[in-house]
PDB file of N, CA and C in Angstrom:
ATOM      1  N   MET A   1      23.618  15.191  -1.770  1.00  0.00           N
ATOM      2  CA  MET A   1      23.696  14.487  -0.506  1.00  0.00           C
ATOM      3  C   MET A   1      23.626  12.985  -0.761  1.00  0.00           C
ATOM      4  N   ARG A   2      24.471  12.257  -0.085  1.00  0.00           N
ATOM      5  CA  ARG A   2      24.448  10.800  -0.172  1.00  0.00           C
ATOM      6  C   ARG A   2      24.051  10.230   1.173  1.00  0.00           C
ATOM      7  N   ALA A   3      23.298   9.179   1.128  1.00  0.00           N
ATOM      8  CA  ALA A   3      22.895   8.491   2.349  1.00  0.00           C
ATOM      9  C   ALA A   3      23.017   6.988   2.093  1.00  0.00           C
ATOM     10  N   VAL A   4      23.293   6.274   3.143  1.00  0.00           N
ATOM     11  CA  VAL A   4      23.438   4.827   3.041  1.00  0.00           C
ATOM     12  C   VAL A   4      22.541   4.194   4.089  1.00  0.00           C
ATOM     13  N   LEU A   5      21.879   3.152   3.682  1.00  0.00           N
ATOM     14  CA  LEU A   5      21.059   2.393   4.618  1.00  0.00           C
ATOM     15  C   LEU A   5      21.729   1.037   4.799  1.00  0.00           C
ATOM     16  N   ARG A   6      22.084   0.755   6.013  1.00  0.00           N
ATOM     17  CA  ARG A   6      22.724  -0.527   6.312  1.00  0.00           C
ATOM     18  C   ARG A   6      21.753  -1.345   7.139  1.00  0.00           C
ATOM     19  N   THR A   7      21.439  -2.510   6.632  1.00  0.00           N
ATOM     20  CA  THR A   7      20.465  -3.372   7.282  1.00  0.00           C
ATOM     21  C   THR A   7      21.110  -4.703   7.612  1.00  0.00           C
ATOM     22  N   ARG A   8      20.876  -5.177   8.791  1.00  0.00           N
ATOM     23  CA  ARG A   8      21.328  -6.518   9.161  1.00  0.00           C
ATOM     24  C   ARG A   8      20.117  -7.435   9.135  1.00  0.00           C
ATOM     25  N   VAL A   9      20.299  -8.569   8.515  1.00  0.00           N
ATOM     26  CA  VAL A   9      19.224  -9.547   8.405  1.00  0.00           C
ATOM     27  C   VAL A   9      19.714 -10.840   9.031  1.00  0.00           C
ATOM     28  N   ARG A  10      18.881 -11.381   9.908  1.00  0.00           N
ATOM     29  CA  ARG A  10      19.250 -12.651  10.534  1.00  0.00           C
ATOM     30  C   ARG A  10      19.406 -13.719   9.462  1.00  0.00           C
ATOM     31  N   THR A  11      20.324 -14.607   9.662  1.00  0.00           N
ATOM     32  CA  THR A  11      20.624 -15.656   8.695  1.00  0.00           C
ATOM     33  C   THR A  11      19.383 -16.445   8.306  1.00  0.00           C
ATOM     34  N   ASP A  12      18.513 -16.718   9.257  1.00  0.00           N
ATOM     35  CA  ASP A  12      17.322 -17.514   8.971  1.00  0.00           C
ATOM     36  C   ASP A  12      16.206 -16.695   8.308  1.00  0.00           C
ATOM     37  N   ARG A  13      16.419 -15.397   8.070  1.00  0.00           N
ATOM     38  CA  ARG A  13      15.394 -14.543   7.459  1.00  0.00           C
ATOM     39  C   ARG A  13      15.828 -13.943   6.127  1.00  0.00           C
ATOM     40  N   VAL A  14      16.982 -14.367   5.600  1.00  0.00           N
ATOM     41  CA  VAL A  14      17.520 -13.779   4.367  1.00  0.00           C
ATOM     42  C   VAL A  14      16.550 -13.968   3.199  1.00  0.00           C
ATOM     43  N   GLU A  15      16.044 -15.163   3.002  1.00  0.00           N
ATOM     44  CA  GLU A  15      15.135 -15.413   1.875  1.00  0.00           C
ATOM     45  C   GLU A  15      13.886 -14.541   1.971  1.00  0.00           C
ATOM     46  N   GLU A  16      13.323 -14.419   3.150  1.00  0.00           N
ATOM     47  CA  GLU A  16      12.141 -13.572   3.343  1.00  0.00           C
ATOM     48  C   GLU A  16      12.462 -12.107   3.017  1.00  0.00           C
ATOM     49  N   HIS A  17      13.619 -11.648   3.433  1.00  0.00           N
ATOM     50  CA  HIS A  17      14.062 -10.275   3.169  1.00  0.00           C
ATOM     51  C   HIS A  17      14.218 -10.038   1.668  1.00  0.00           C
ATOM     52  N   GLU A  18      14.872 -10.961   0.977  1.00  0.00           N
ATOM     53  CA  GLU A  18      15.069 -10.823  -0.462  1.00  0.00           C
ATOM     54  C   GLU A  18      13.741 -10.870  -1.213  1.00  0.00           C
ATOM     55  N   GLN A  19      12.831 -11.729  -0.775  1.00  0.00           N
ATOM     56  CA  GLN A  19      11.510 -11.827  -1.415  1.00  0.00           C
ATOM     57  C   GLN A  19      10.748 -10.514  -1.283  1.00  0.00           C
ATOM     58  N   ALA A  20      10.827  -9.885  -0.135  1.00  0.00           N
ATOM     59  CA  ALA A  20      10.141  -8.605   0.069  1.00  0.00           C
ATOM     60  C   ALA A  20      10.674  -7.551  -0.897  1.00  0.00           C
ATOM     61  N   HIS A  21      11.968  -7.581  -1.180  1.00  0.00           N
ATOM     62  CA  HIS A  21      12.551  -6.625  -2.122  1.00  0.00           C
ATOM     63  C   HIS A  21      12.153  -6.943  -3.558  1.00  0.00           C
ATOM     64  N   ARG A  22      12.028  -8.205  -3.882  1.00  0.00           N
ATOM     65  CA  ARG A  22      11.595  -8.590  -5.234  1.00  0.00           C
ATOM     66  C   ARG A  22      10.155  -8.166  -5.478  1.00  0.00           C
ATOM     67  N   GLU A  23       9.358  -8.082  -4.417  1.00  0.00           N
ATOM     68  CA  GLU A  23       7.945  -7.756  -4.543  1.00  0.00           C
ATOM     69  C   GLU A  23       7.644  -6.272  -4.350  1.00  0.00           C
ATOM     70  N   ALA A  24       8.658  -5.440  -4.286  1.00  0.00           N
ATOM     71  CA  ALA A  24       8.438  -3.998  -4.119  1.00  0.00           C
ATOM     72  C   ALA A  24       7.619  -3.483  -5.301  1.00  0.00           C
ATOM     73  N   PRO A  25       6.555  -2.738  -5.033  1.00  0.00           N
ATOM     74  CA  PRO A  25       5.703  -2.231  -6.112  1.00  0.00           C
ATOM     75  C   PRO A  25       6.482  -1.322  -7.064  1.00  0.00           C
ATOM     76  N   ASP A  26       6.152  -1.418  -8.350  1.00  0.00           N
ATOM     77  CA  ASP A  26       6.813  -0.582  -9.351  1.00  0.00           C
ATOM     78  C   ASP A  26       6.663   0.899  -9.040  1.00  0.00           C
ATOM     79  N   GLU A  27       5.509   1.286  -8.486  1.00  0.00           N
ATOM     80  CA  GLU A  27       5.276   2.691  -8.146  1.00  0.00           C
ATOM     81  C   GLU A  27       6.270   3.171  -7.084  1.00  0.00           C
ATOM     82  N   LEU A  28       6.604   2.288  -6.154  1.00  0.00           N
ATOM     83  CA  LEU A  28       7.550   2.645  -5.100  1.00  0.00           C
ATOM     84  C   LEU A  28       8.951   2.835  -5.670  1.00  0.00           C
ATOM     85  N   THR A  29       9.401   1.880  -6.471  1.00  0.00           N
ATOM     86  CA  THR A  29      10.742   2.014  -7.026  1.00  0.00           C
ATOM     87  C   THR A  29      10.827   3.200  -7.982  1.00  0.00           C
ATOM     88  N   ALA A  30       9.756   3.484  -8.722  1.00  0.00           N
ATOM     89  CA  ALA A  30       9.749   4.647  -9.616  1.00  0.00           C
ATOM     90  C   ALA A  30       9.838   5.942  -8.820  1.00  0.00           C
ATOM     91  N   ALA A  31       9.126   6.019  -7.704  1.00  0.00           N
ATOM     92  CA  ALA A  31       9.153   7.222  -6.867  1.00  0.00           C
ATOM     93  C   ALA A  31      10.527   7.428  -6.239  1.00  0.00           C
ATOM     94  N   VAL A  32      11.153   6.351  -5.817  1.00  0.00           N
ATOM     95  CA  VAL A  32      12.481   6.449  -5.220  1.00  0.00           C
ATOM     96  C   VAL A  32      13.486   6.925  -6.265  1.00  0.00           C
ATOM     97  N   ARG A  33      13.406   6.361  -7.459  1.00  0.00           N
ATOM     98  CA  ARG A  33      14.306   6.790  -8.534  1.00  0.00           C
ATOM     99  C   ARG A  33      14.050   8.245  -8.921  1.00  0.00           C
ATOM    100  N   ALA A  34      12.776   8.647  -8.988  1.00  0.00           N
ATOM    101  CA  ALA A  34      12.425  10.029  -9.342  1.00  0.00           C
ATOM    102  C   ALA A  34      12.969  11.020  -8.312  1.00  0.00           C
ATOM    103  N   ALA A  35      13.104  10.562  -7.086  1.00  0.00           N
ATOM    104  CA  ALA A  35      13.644  11.416  -6.024  1.00  0.00           C
ATOM    105  C   ALA A  35      15.164  11.497  -6.096  1.00  0.00           C
ATOM    106  N   GLY A  36      15.767  10.750  -7.030  1.00  0.00           N
ATOM    107  CA  GLY A  36      17.207  10.829  -7.223  1.00  0.00           C
ATOM    108  C   GLY A  36      18.001   9.717  -6.576  1.00  0.00           C
ATOM    109  N   ALA A  37      17.328   8.751  -6.009  1.00  0.00           N
ATOM    110  CA  ALA A  37      18.036   7.640  -5.357  1.00  0.00           C
ATOM    111  C   ALA A  37      18.221   6.507  -6.346  1.00  0.00           C
ATOM    112  N   GLY A  38      19.283   5.762  -6.161  1.00  0.00           N
ATOM    113  CA  GLY A  38      19.537   4.605  -7.005  1.00  0.00           C
ATOM    114  C   GLY A  38      19.484   3.340  -6.194  1.00  0.00           C
ATOM    115  N   PHE A  39      19.665   2.236  -6.850  1.00  0.00           N
ATOM    116  CA  PHE A  39      19.636   0.948  -6.193  1.00  0.00           C
ATOM    117  C   PHE A  39      20.945   0.209  -6.457  1.00  0.00           C
ATOM    118  N   PRO A  40      21.972   0.521  -5.681  1.00  0.00           N
ATOM    119  CA  PRO A  40      23.261  -0.156  -5.902  1.00  0.00           C
ATOM    120  C   PRO A  40      23.160  -1.626  -5.485  1.00  0.00           C
ATOM    121  N   ALA A  41      24.128  -2.367  -5.919  1.00  0.00           N
ATOM    122  CA  ALA A  41      24.182  -3.777  -5.552  1.00  0.00           C
ATOM    123  C   ALA A  41      24.309  -3.932  -4.041  1.00  0.00           C
ATOM    124  N   VAL A  42      23.700  -4.932  -3.537  1.00  0.00           N
ATOM    125  CA  VAL A  42      23.766  -5.215  -2.114  1.00  0.00           C
ATOM    126  C   VAL A  42      25.024  -6.033  -1.854  1.00  0.00           C
ATOM    127  N   ARG A  43      25.777  -5.645  -0.858  1.00  0.00           N
ATOM    128  CA  ARG A  43      26.988  -6.383  -0.491  1.00  0.00           C
ATOM    129  C   ARG A  43      26.741  -7.135   0.791  1.00  0.00           C
ATOM    130  N   GLU A  44      27.269  -8.304   0.849  1.00  0.00           N
ATOM    131  CA  GLU A  44      27.189  -9.084   2.079  1.00  0.00           C
ATOM    132  C   GLU A  44      28.448  -8.796   2.876  1.00  0.00           C
ATOM    133  N   LEU A  45      28.283  -8.331   4.095  1.00  0.00           N
ATOM    134  CA  LEU A  45      29.433  -7.995   4.928  1.00  0.00           C
ATOM    135  C   LEU A  45      29.778  -9.113   5.859  1.00  0.00           C
TER     136      LEU A  45
END
């Protein structure tokens, strides 16, 4: 099964959004990967 999460971020909040992703705990990203999910590149639409 494939799923996609599409998020819109206000222009004035992009840096805050990116910072939150940079600070994601290693345990969280490890659990997501263990569940079979990957982290593809983010595209700007």
